[in-house]
Protein backbone atom coordinates (compact mmCIF):
# COMPACT_ATOMS: atom_id res chain seq x y z
CA MET A 1 0.00 0.00 0.00
CA SER A 2 1.46 3.38 -0.98
CA LYS A 3 1.89 6.26 1.41
CA PRO A 4 -0.38 9.31 0.81
CA SER A 5 1.36 12.40 -0.53
CA ARG A 6 1.95 15.42 1.70
CA ARG A 7 -0.46 17.43 -0.40
CA ALA A 8 -3.24 14.85 0.09
CA VAL A 9 -2.62 14.84 3.84
CA ARG A 10 -2.75 18.67 3.96
CA LEU A 11 -6.00 18.75 1.96
CA ALA A 12 -7.61 16.17 4.22
CA ALA A 13 -6.53 18.10 7.32
CA ALA A 14 -7.87 21.36 5.89
CA ALA A 15 -11.20 19.72 5.08
CA LEU A 16 -11.45 18.30 8.60
CA LEU A 17 -10.74 21.74 10.07
CA LEU A 18 -13.06 23.67 7.76
CA ALA A 19 -16.12 21.39 7.88
CA PRO A 20 -17.06 22.19 11.52
CA ALA A 21 -16.46 25.91 10.93
CA ILE A 22 -18.73 25.97 7.87
CA THR A 23 -21.41 23.96 9.70
CA ALA A 24 -21.24 26.32 12.69
CA ALA A 25 -21.50 29.38 10.42
CA VAL A 26 -24.57 28.00 8.65
CA LEU A 27 -26.24 27.13 11.95
CA LEU A 28 -25.45 30.58 13.35
CA LEU A 29 -26.79 32.32 10.25
CA SER A 30 -29.91 30.16 10.10
CA SER A 31 -30.86 30.96 13.70
CA ALA A 32 -30.37 34.69 13.08
CA THR A 33 -32.22 34.83 9.76
CA PRO A 34 -36.02 34.99 9.99
CA ALA A 35 -36.55 34.51 6.23
CA PRO A 36 -38.28 31.23 5.33
CA PHE A 37 -35.17 29.93 3.59
CA GLY A 38 -32.66 31.21 6.15
CA PRO A 39 -29.09 31.89 5.02
CA TRP A 40 -29.64 29.79 1.90
CA GLU A 41 -31.90 32.56 0.60
CA ARG A 42 -28.96 34.97 0.54
CA ILE A 43 -26.59 32.34 -0.81
CA GLY A 44 -29.07 31.44 -3.56
CA ARG A 45 -29.53 35.10 -4.56
CA THR A 46 -25.74 35.49 -4.75
CA PHE A 47 -25.60 32.69 -7.33
CA GLY A 48 -28.79 33.71 -9.13
CA GLN A 49 -30.95 30.88 -7.75
CA ALA A 50 -34.32 31.52 -6.11
CA ASN A 51 -35.05 29.28 -3.14
CA ASP A 52 -38.81 29.54 -3.30
CA LEU A 53 -39.31 27.84 -6.60
CA GLY A 54 -42.89 29.08 -6.77
CA PRO A 55 -46.13 27.15 -6.81
CA VAL A 56 -46.45 24.19 -9.14
CA ASP A 57 -48.83 23.79 -12.05
CA PHE A 58 -49.34 20.04 -11.89
CA ALA A 59 -51.05 19.93 -15.31
CA THR A 60 -47.82 20.95 -17.07
CA LEU A 61 -45.27 19.73 -14.54
CA ALA A 62 -42.16 17.96 -15.79
CA PRO A 63 -40.33 16.98 -12.60
CA ARG A 64 -36.79 18.21 -12.29
CA SER A 65 -33.80 16.08 -11.36
CA GLY A 66 -33.70 15.14 -7.68
CA ALA A 67 -37.43 15.71 -7.19
CA ALA A 68 -40.07 13.29 -5.90
CA LEU A 69 -43.60 13.27 -7.32
CA TYR A 70 -46.72 11.34 -6.41
CA CYS A 71 -49.62 12.21 -8.66
CA PRO A 72 -52.78 10.74 -10.18
CA PRO A 73 -52.02 10.13 -13.88
CA ASP A 74 -55.04 12.16 -15.03
CA PHE A 75 -53.91 15.15 -12.96
CA CYS A 76 -50.24 15.24 -14.06
CA PRO A 77 -50.36 14.19 -17.71
CA ALA A 78 -46.95 15.67 -18.59
CA ALA A 79 -45.10 14.16 -15.62
CA GLU A 80 -43.14 11.11 -16.71
CA GLY A 81 -42.05 8.83 -13.90
CA ALA A 82 -44.59 10.09 -11.37
CA LEU A 83 -45.50 7.57 -8.71
CA PRO A 84 -49.24 6.88 -8.46
CA ALA A 85 -50.98 8.61 -5.58
CA PRO A 86 -53.51 6.61 -3.56
CA VAL A 87 -57.18 7.51 -3.32
CA PHE A 88 -58.29 8.22 0.25
CA THR A 89 -61.82 7.46 1.45
CA ILE A 90 -62.22 10.89 3.06
CA SER A 91 -63.33 14.22 1.64
CA ALA A 92 -60.89 16.66 0.08
CA GLU A 93 -61.33 19.05 3.03
CA ARG A 94 -60.52 16.34 5.57
CA LEU A 95 -57.53 15.16 3.53
CA ALA A 96 -56.16 18.74 3.37
CA ALA A 97 -56.60 19.17 7.13
CA LYS A 98 -54.96 15.80 7.84
CA LEU A 99 -52.01 16.60 5.54
CA ARG A 100 -51.53 20.03 7.11
CA ARG A 101 -51.62 18.55 10.63
CA TYR A 102 -49.15 15.78 9.80
CA ALA A 103 -46.73 18.01 7.84
CA GLN A 104 -46.62 20.64 10.58
CA GLY A 105 -45.77 17.90 13.09
CA ASP A 106 -42.91 16.59 10.97
CA VAL A 107 -39.44 17.68 12.11
CA GLY A 108 -38.05 20.63 10.15
CA VAL A 109 -41.28 21.40 8.24
CA GLU A 110 -43.06 24.76 8.11
CA GLU A 111 -46.02 25.82 6.02
CA LEU A 112 -45.53 28.43 3.29
CA PRO A 113 -48.29 30.73 2.00
CA ALA A 114 -50.69 28.64 -0.08
CA GLU A 115 -52.28 29.27 -3.42
CA GLY A 116 -55.73 28.27 -2.14
CA PRO A 117 -57.46 25.79 0.13
CA ASP A 118 -56.64 22.83 -2.12
CA HIS A 119 -52.99 23.83 -2.77
CA LEU A 120 -50.73 23.56 0.27
CA ARG A 121 -47.04 24.48 0.32
CA PHE A 122 -44.34 23.55 2.82
CA ILE A 123 -40.63 23.97 3.34
CA HIS A 124 -38.50 21.27 4.94
CA ARG A 125 -35.02 22.05 6.24
CA SER A 126 -32.37 19.36 6.70
CA LEU A 127 -31.24 18.79 10.25
CA ILE A 128 -27.63 19.95 10.18
CA LEU A 129 -27.07 22.30 7.24
CA ARG A 130 -30.71 23.48 7.12
CA LEU A 131 -30.87 22.97 3.33
CA PRO A 132 -34.41 23.73 2.13
CA ASP A 133 -36.74 21.48 0.14
CA VAL A 134 -40.00 22.91 -1.20
CA ILE A 135 -43.08 20.66 -1.06
CA ASP A 136 -46.26 21.39 -3.00
CA ALA A 137 -49.45 19.44 -2.36
CA ARG A 138 -52.64 19.70 -4.37
CA ILE A 139 -55.74 18.01 -3.02
CA VAL A 140 -57.92 16.50 -5.75
CA ALA A 141 -61.57 15.72 -4.99
CA ARG A 142 -63.06 12.67 -6.66
CA SER A 143 -66.73 12.32 -7.61
CA SER A 144 -67.26 9.50 -5.13
CA GLY A 145 -66.65 11.84 -2.18
CA ALA A 146 -63.13 10.49 -1.84
CA ALA A 147 -59.96 12.45 -2.54
CA THR A 148 -56.42 11.99 -3.77
CA LEU A 149 -53.46 14.31 -3.96
CA ALA A 150 -50.50 15.40 -6.00
CA LEU A 151 -47.39 15.71 -3.86
CA TYR A 152 -44.14 17.19 -5.22
CA SER A 153 -40.91 17.67 -3.26
CA ARG A 154 -37.80 19.24 -4.72
CA PRO A 155 -34.55 20.62 -3.32
CA ALA A 156 -34.35 24.41 -3.38
CA MET A 157 -30.54 24.37 -3.48
CA GLY A 158 -28.85 22.18 -6.05
CA ALA A 159 -30.37 19.24 -7.83
CA LEU A 160 -29.88 16.30 -5.47
CA ASP A 161 -31.48 15.39 -2.18
CA PHE A 162 -30.15 11.80 -2.03
CA GLY A 163 -33.68 10.36 -1.87
CA SER A 164 -34.80 12.28 1.21
CA GLY A 165 -37.72 13.94 -0.62
CA ARG A 166 -39.07 10.62 -1.82
CA ALA A 167 -38.66 9.06 1.65
CA ARG A 168 -40.53 12.01 3.16
CA MET A 169 -43.37 11.68 0.62
CA GLU A 170 -43.65 7.94 1.34
CA ARG A 171 -43.80 8.66 5.07
CA TRP A 172 -46.49 11.33 4.58
CA ILE A 173 -48.62 9.13 2.33
CA GLU A 174 -48.33 6.24 4.79
CA ALA A 175 -49.47 8.54 7.64
CA LEU A 176 -52.39 9.85 5.56
CA SER A 177 -53.47 6.27 4.82
CA ARG A 178 -53.96 5.48 8.51
């Protein structure tokens, strides 16, 4: 086994020293920043990226890389790869209330201003770096008195969330099914 070069050792040491400092700075900034997206809002603006990606039009939605989408096929016709959303045997109003209650109880989730009573919006922040994900939910009433929903989670910074958005959506749908 070959010995690592001095340069590689120095780079590893610098990374080990800088990582806690960067984490501490982000945590300090996020606790002092009342904006919904915390320090990432300023960082995003610096690089020309808006954190609040705006409300979603599910009829024309083409999910971006790193996003998770559950949607009834007739409600998201342009969305390739969308996972099918279940139909719940409760009214649309009760489903919206149940989703709101569950999401607000989830760690790191806050509600954003909504587009209407059937379109809910949330922001989820990761535990350590407080990276934001935006979650849009659209409640869809069915003629039988039942309801379904379109649920879309996407990272506000970058393009990857390493599957956390999909895992969150699965957890939410499981909770709504109970």
